[in-house]
Amino acid sequence: MPWKQSEPMNERTEFVLKAMSESNNFGQLCREYGVSRKTGYKWKRRFLAEGLGGLQERSRQPHGHARELSEVVVCEVIRLKMQHPDWGPKKIGDLYGGVHG
C-alpha cells in the first residue's frame, strides 16, 4: 500500500479551517494533527491576520545581530584604516569608542 502523500501547507489549511469551527475541541484537533496547542494557536492567529499567506513557513534567520555595526561606523573604521595602514583593530577600536573585531 503506498504512503499517503500530503503537503504541509494543505495540512495547515485543513487544520485552520477545522479550528475555525466551534464544534471541534481545539486540544483534540492539535493532537490529531500532531502539533502543540501553541503552534495551533499561532497558525490560527496568522490565518486570521494574513489569510492563507500567513500559513507559509517563515525564515528562522535572525533579523539582525546584537554586535552588528552600522554602516556609518563601518565607513569610519575603513577611513581610519586607510589613513593609518599600520594601525590594527585594537587601536582603531580604542580610538573609535571600543569597537573591536
N, C-alpha and C. Protein backbone atom coordinates (compact mmCIF):
# COMPACT_ATOMS: atom_id res chain seq x y z
N MET A 1 0.85 -1.18 0.00
CA MET A 1 0.00 0.00 0.00
C MET A 1 0.89 1.24 0.00
N PRO A 2 0.68 2.20 -0.89
CA PRO A 2 1.53 3.40 -0.95
C PRO A 2 1.28 4.31 0.25
N TRP A 3 2.34 5.08 0.60
CA TRP A 3 2.24 6.04 1.70
C TRP A 3 1.33 7.19 1.29
N LYS A 4 0.62 7.73 2.25
CA LYS A 4 -0.24 8.87 2.00
C LYS A 4 0.66 10.10 1.82
N GLN A 5 0.54 10.78 0.69
CA GLN A 5 1.32 11.97 0.41
C GLN A 5 0.50 13.20 0.79
N SER A 6 1.13 14.13 1.52
CA SER A 6 0.42 15.36 1.86
C SER A 6 1.41 16.51 1.92
N GLU A 7 0.95 17.66 1.58
CA GLU A 7 1.75 18.88 1.62
C GLU A 7 1.52 19.57 2.95
N PRO A 8 2.59 20.10 3.59
CA PRO A 8 2.41 20.80 4.87
C PRO A 8 1.41 21.95 4.78
N MET A 9 1.42 22.66 3.66
CA MET A 9 0.51 23.81 3.51
C MET A 9 -0.94 23.33 3.49
N ASN A 10 -1.21 22.20 2.83
CA ASN A 10 -2.57 21.66 2.80
C ASN A 10 -3.00 21.23 4.20
N GLU A 11 -2.07 20.61 4.93
CA GLU A 11 -2.37 20.17 6.30
C GLU A 11 -2.71 21.38 7.19
N ARG A 12 -1.92 22.44 7.08
CA ARG A 12 -2.16 23.63 7.90
C ARG A 12 -3.50 24.28 7.55
N THR A 13 -3.78 24.36 6.25
CA THR A 13 -5.05 24.95 5.81
C THR A 13 -6.22 24.14 6.36
N GLU A 14 -6.13 22.83 6.23
CA GLU A 14 -7.18 21.96 6.75
C GLU A 14 -7.33 22.13 8.26
N PHE A 15 -6.19 22.19 8.97
CA PHE A 15 -6.21 22.36 10.42
C PHE A 15 -6.92 23.66 10.80
N VAL A 16 -6.53 24.76 10.15
CA VAL A 16 -7.08 26.07 10.50
C VAL A 16 -8.58 26.13 10.20
N LEU A 17 -8.99 25.57 9.08
CA LEU A 17 -10.42 25.59 8.75
C LEU A 17 -11.22 24.79 9.78
N LYS A 18 -10.68 23.65 10.23
CA LYS A 18 -11.36 22.89 11.27
C LYS A 18 -11.34 23.65 12.60
N ALA A 19 -10.24 24.35 12.88
CA ALA A 19 -10.12 25.09 14.14
C ALA A 19 -11.09 26.26 14.18
N MET A 20 -11.45 26.79 13.02
CA MET A 20 -12.37 27.94 12.98
C MET A 20 -13.79 27.53 13.35
N SER A 21 -14.15 26.26 13.17
CA SER A 21 -15.50 25.84 13.52
C SER A 21 -15.54 25.59 15.03
N GLU A 22 -16.54 26.07 15.66
CA GLU A 22 -16.67 26.00 17.12
C GLU A 22 -16.95 24.56 17.59
N SER A 23 -17.37 23.69 16.70
CA SER A 23 -17.76 22.35 17.12
C SER A 23 -16.57 21.45 17.46
N ASN A 24 -15.35 21.83 17.02
CA ASN A 24 -14.18 21.00 17.28
C ASN A 24 -13.52 21.36 18.60
N ASN A 25 -13.03 20.33 19.30
CA ASN A 25 -12.25 20.51 20.51
C ASN A 25 -10.83 20.84 20.06
N PHE A 26 -10.33 22.04 20.43
CA PHE A 26 -9.04 22.51 19.91
C PHE A 26 -7.89 21.61 20.34
N GLY A 27 -7.89 21.18 21.58
CA GLY A 27 -6.84 20.30 22.07
C GLY A 27 -6.81 18.98 21.31
N GLN A 28 -7.98 18.41 21.09
CA GLN A 28 -8.08 17.15 20.34
C GLN A 28 -7.63 17.36 18.90
N LEU A 29 -7.99 18.48 18.31
CA LEU A 29 -7.59 18.79 16.93
C LEU A 29 -6.06 18.90 16.82
N CYS A 30 -5.44 19.54 17.81
CA CYS A 30 -3.97 19.66 17.82
C CYS A 30 -3.32 18.28 17.91
N ARG A 31 -3.86 17.41 18.76
CA ARG A 31 -3.31 16.05 18.89
C ARG A 31 -3.48 15.28 17.58
N GLU A 32 -4.63 15.45 16.95
CA GLU A 32 -4.90 14.77 15.68
C GLU A 32 -3.89 15.16 14.60
N TYR A 33 -3.48 16.43 14.59
CA TYR A 33 -2.53 16.91 13.57
C TYR A 33 -1.08 16.86 14.06
N GLY A 34 -0.88 16.43 15.29
CA GLY A 34 0.47 16.26 15.81
C GLY A 34 1.21 17.58 16.05
N VAL A 35 0.47 18.61 16.48
CA VAL A 35 1.09 19.90 16.78
C VAL A 35 0.73 20.31 18.20
N SER A 36 1.56 21.17 18.78
CA SER A 36 1.26 21.66 20.13
C SER A 36 0.14 22.70 20.05
N ARG A 37 -0.48 22.96 21.18
CA ARG A 37 -1.51 23.99 21.22
C ARG A 37 -0.92 25.35 20.83
N LYS A 38 0.32 25.59 21.27
CA LYS A 38 0.99 26.85 20.94
C LYS A 38 1.09 27.03 19.43
N THR A 39 1.51 25.98 18.74
CA THR A 39 1.62 26.03 17.28
C THR A 39 0.24 26.18 16.65
N GLY A 40 -0.73 25.47 17.17
CA GLY A 40 -2.10 25.57 16.65
C GLY A 40 -2.64 26.98 16.76
N TYR A 41 -2.46 27.60 17.92
CA TYR A 41 -2.93 28.98 18.10
C TYR A 41 -2.15 29.96 17.22
N LYS A 42 -0.86 29.68 17.02
CA LYS A 42 -0.04 30.54 16.14
C LYS A 42 -0.59 30.50 14.72
N TRP A 43 -0.87 29.29 14.21
CA TRP A 43 -1.40 29.16 12.86
C TRP A 43 -2.76 29.83 12.74
N LYS A 44 -3.60 29.67 13.75
CA LYS A 44 -4.93 30.27 13.71
C LYS A 44 -4.83 31.80 13.72
N ARG A 45 -3.95 32.34 14.57
CA ARG A 45 -3.75 33.79 14.65
C ARG A 45 -3.23 34.34 13.32
N ARG A 46 -2.24 33.66 12.74
CA ARG A 46 -1.68 34.11 11.45
C ARG A 46 -2.73 34.05 10.35
N PHE A 47 -3.55 33.01 10.35
CA PHE A 47 -4.58 32.88 9.33
C PHE A 47 -5.59 34.02 9.44
N LEU A 48 -5.98 34.34 10.65
CA LEU A 48 -6.94 35.44 10.84
C LEU A 48 -6.34 36.79 10.43
N ALA A 49 -5.06 36.98 10.68
CA ALA A 49 -4.40 38.25 10.38
C ALA A 49 -3.99 38.38 8.91
N GLU A 50 -3.53 37.27 8.30
CA GLU A 50 -2.91 37.36 6.98
C GLU A 50 -3.54 36.47 5.92
N GLY A 51 -4.53 35.68 6.29
CA GLY A 51 -5.12 34.76 5.32
C GLY A 51 -4.22 33.55 5.10
N LEU A 52 -4.37 32.91 3.94
CA LEU A 52 -3.59 31.71 3.65
C LEU A 52 -2.09 31.98 3.62
N GLY A 53 -1.68 33.18 3.23
CA GLY A 53 -0.26 33.54 3.20
C GLY A 53 0.39 33.44 4.56
N GLY A 54 -0.37 33.64 5.63
CA GLY A 54 0.17 33.56 6.98
C GLY A 54 0.55 32.16 7.40
N LEU A 55 0.11 31.15 6.64
CA LEU A 55 0.42 29.77 6.98
C LEU A 55 1.72 29.29 6.35
N GLN A 56 2.33 30.10 5.49
CA GLN A 56 3.59 29.73 4.85
C GLN A 56 4.69 29.60 5.90
N GLU A 57 5.65 28.71 5.63
CA GLU A 57 6.81 28.55 6.51
C GLU A 57 7.61 29.85 6.48
N ARG A 58 8.05 30.31 7.63
CA ARG A 58 8.82 31.55 7.72
C ARG A 58 10.28 31.25 8.03
N SER A 59 11.13 32.15 7.59
CA SER A 59 12.56 32.01 7.83
C SER A 59 12.84 32.11 9.33
N ARG A 60 13.80 31.31 9.78
CA ARG A 60 14.21 31.36 11.18
C ARG A 60 15.46 32.20 11.35
N GLN A 61 15.89 32.82 10.25
CA GLN A 61 17.09 33.64 10.29
C GLN A 61 16.82 34.89 11.14
N PRO A 62 17.76 35.26 12.00
CA PRO A 62 17.56 36.46 12.82
C PRO A 62 17.47 37.71 11.95
N HIS A 63 16.73 38.69 12.43
CA HIS A 63 16.55 39.95 11.69
C HIS A 63 17.80 40.83 11.79
N GLY A 64 18.57 40.65 12.80
CA GLY A 64 19.78 41.45 12.99
C GLY A 64 20.71 40.74 13.96
N HIS A 65 21.84 41.35 14.21
CA HIS A 65 22.82 40.77 15.11
C HIS A 65 23.12 41.78 16.21
N ALA A 66 23.28 41.30 17.41
CA ALA A 66 23.47 42.17 18.57
C ALA A 66 24.73 43.02 18.43
N ARG A 67 25.78 42.46 17.84
CA ARG A 67 27.05 43.18 17.75
C ARG A 67 27.29 43.76 16.35
N GLU A 68 26.27 43.83 15.55
CA GLU A 68 26.39 44.34 14.20
C GLU A 68 26.66 45.85 14.23
N LEU A 69 27.60 46.29 13.40
CA LEU A 69 27.96 47.70 13.33
C LEU A 69 27.12 48.38 12.26
N SER A 70 26.78 49.64 12.50
CA SER A 70 26.03 50.39 11.49
C SER A 70 26.95 50.72 10.33
N GLU A 71 26.35 51.08 9.22
CA GLU A 71 27.11 51.42 8.02
C GLU A 71 28.02 52.63 8.26
N VAL A 72 27.55 53.59 9.03
CA VAL A 72 28.34 54.78 9.34
C VAL A 72 29.61 54.40 10.09
N VAL A 73 29.48 53.52 11.08
CA VAL A 73 30.64 53.09 11.87
C VAL A 73 31.63 52.32 11.00
N VAL A 74 31.11 51.42 10.17
CA VAL A 74 31.99 50.64 9.29
C VAL A 74 32.77 51.58 8.36
N CYS A 75 32.09 52.56 7.78
CA CYS A 75 32.76 53.52 6.89
C CYS A 75 33.84 54.30 7.64
N GLU A 76 33.57 54.69 8.87
CA GLU A 76 34.56 55.43 9.66
C GLU A 76 35.77 54.56 9.98
N VAL A 77 35.55 53.31 10.32
CA VAL A 77 36.65 52.39 10.61
C VAL A 77 37.51 52.19 9.36
N ILE A 78 36.86 52.02 8.21
CA ILE A 78 37.61 51.86 6.96
C ILE A 78 38.41 53.12 6.64
N ARG A 79 37.81 54.28 6.86
CA ARG A 79 38.51 55.55 6.63
C ARG A 79 39.75 55.65 7.51
N LEU A 80 39.61 55.31 8.79
CA LEU A 80 40.75 55.35 9.70
C LEU A 80 41.83 54.35 9.27
N LYS A 81 41.43 53.16 8.85
CA LYS A 81 42.39 52.14 8.44
C LYS A 81 43.15 52.58 7.18
N MET A 82 42.45 53.25 6.27
CA MET A 82 43.11 53.72 5.05
C MET A 82 44.08 54.87 5.36
N GLN A 83 43.74 55.71 6.31
CA GLN A 83 44.63 56.81 6.70
C GLN A 83 45.84 56.30 7.48
N HIS A 84 45.65 55.22 8.23
CA HIS A 84 46.71 54.68 9.09
C HIS A 84 46.82 53.18 8.86
N PRO A 85 47.49 52.75 7.78
CA PRO A 85 47.56 51.33 7.44
C PRO A 85 48.25 50.47 8.50
N ASP A 86 49.09 51.06 9.34
CA ASP A 86 49.81 50.29 10.35
C ASP A 86 48.97 50.04 11.61
N TRP A 87 47.86 50.73 11.74
CA TRP A 87 47.02 50.55 12.93
C TRP A 87 46.25 49.24 12.80
N GLY A 88 46.15 48.54 13.91
CA GLY A 88 45.40 47.29 13.94
C GLY A 88 44.00 47.50 14.49
N PRO A 89 43.21 46.44 14.60
CA PRO A 89 41.83 46.56 15.06
C PRO A 89 41.71 47.06 16.50
N LYS A 90 42.64 46.68 17.36
CA LYS A 90 42.56 47.12 18.75
C LYS A 90 42.73 48.63 18.85
N LYS A 91 43.72 49.18 18.16
CA LYS A 91 43.98 50.61 18.23
C LYS A 91 42.82 51.40 17.62
N ILE A 92 42.34 50.97 16.47
CA ILE A 92 41.22 51.67 15.83
C ILE A 92 39.98 51.56 16.71
N GLY A 93 39.76 50.39 17.29
CA GLY A 93 38.61 50.21 18.18
C GLY A 93 38.69 51.10 19.40
N ASP A 94 39.88 51.20 19.98
CA ASP A 94 40.06 52.06 21.15
C ASP A 94 39.83 53.53 20.80
N LEU A 95 40.29 53.94 19.63
CA LEU A 95 40.11 55.32 19.19
C LEU A 95 38.68 55.63 18.81
N TYR A 96 37.98 54.62 18.35
CA TYR A 96 36.62 54.85 17.86
C TYR A 96 35.57 54.33 18.86
N GLY A 97 35.86 54.40 20.11
CA GLY A 97 34.84 54.10 21.13
C GLY A 97 34.63 52.65 21.44
N GLY A 98 35.69 51.86 21.46
CA GLY A 98 35.56 50.48 21.92
C GLY A 98 35.10 49.49 20.89
N VAL A 99 35.19 49.80 19.61
CA VAL A 99 34.81 48.86 18.56
C VAL A 99 35.97 47.90 18.35
N HIS A 100 35.75 46.61 18.65
CA HIS A 100 36.78 45.58 18.48
C HIS A 100 36.29 44.54 17.51
N GLY A 101 37.19 44.01 16.71
CA GLY A 101 36.80 42.98 15.73
C GLY A 101 37.14 41.61 16.17
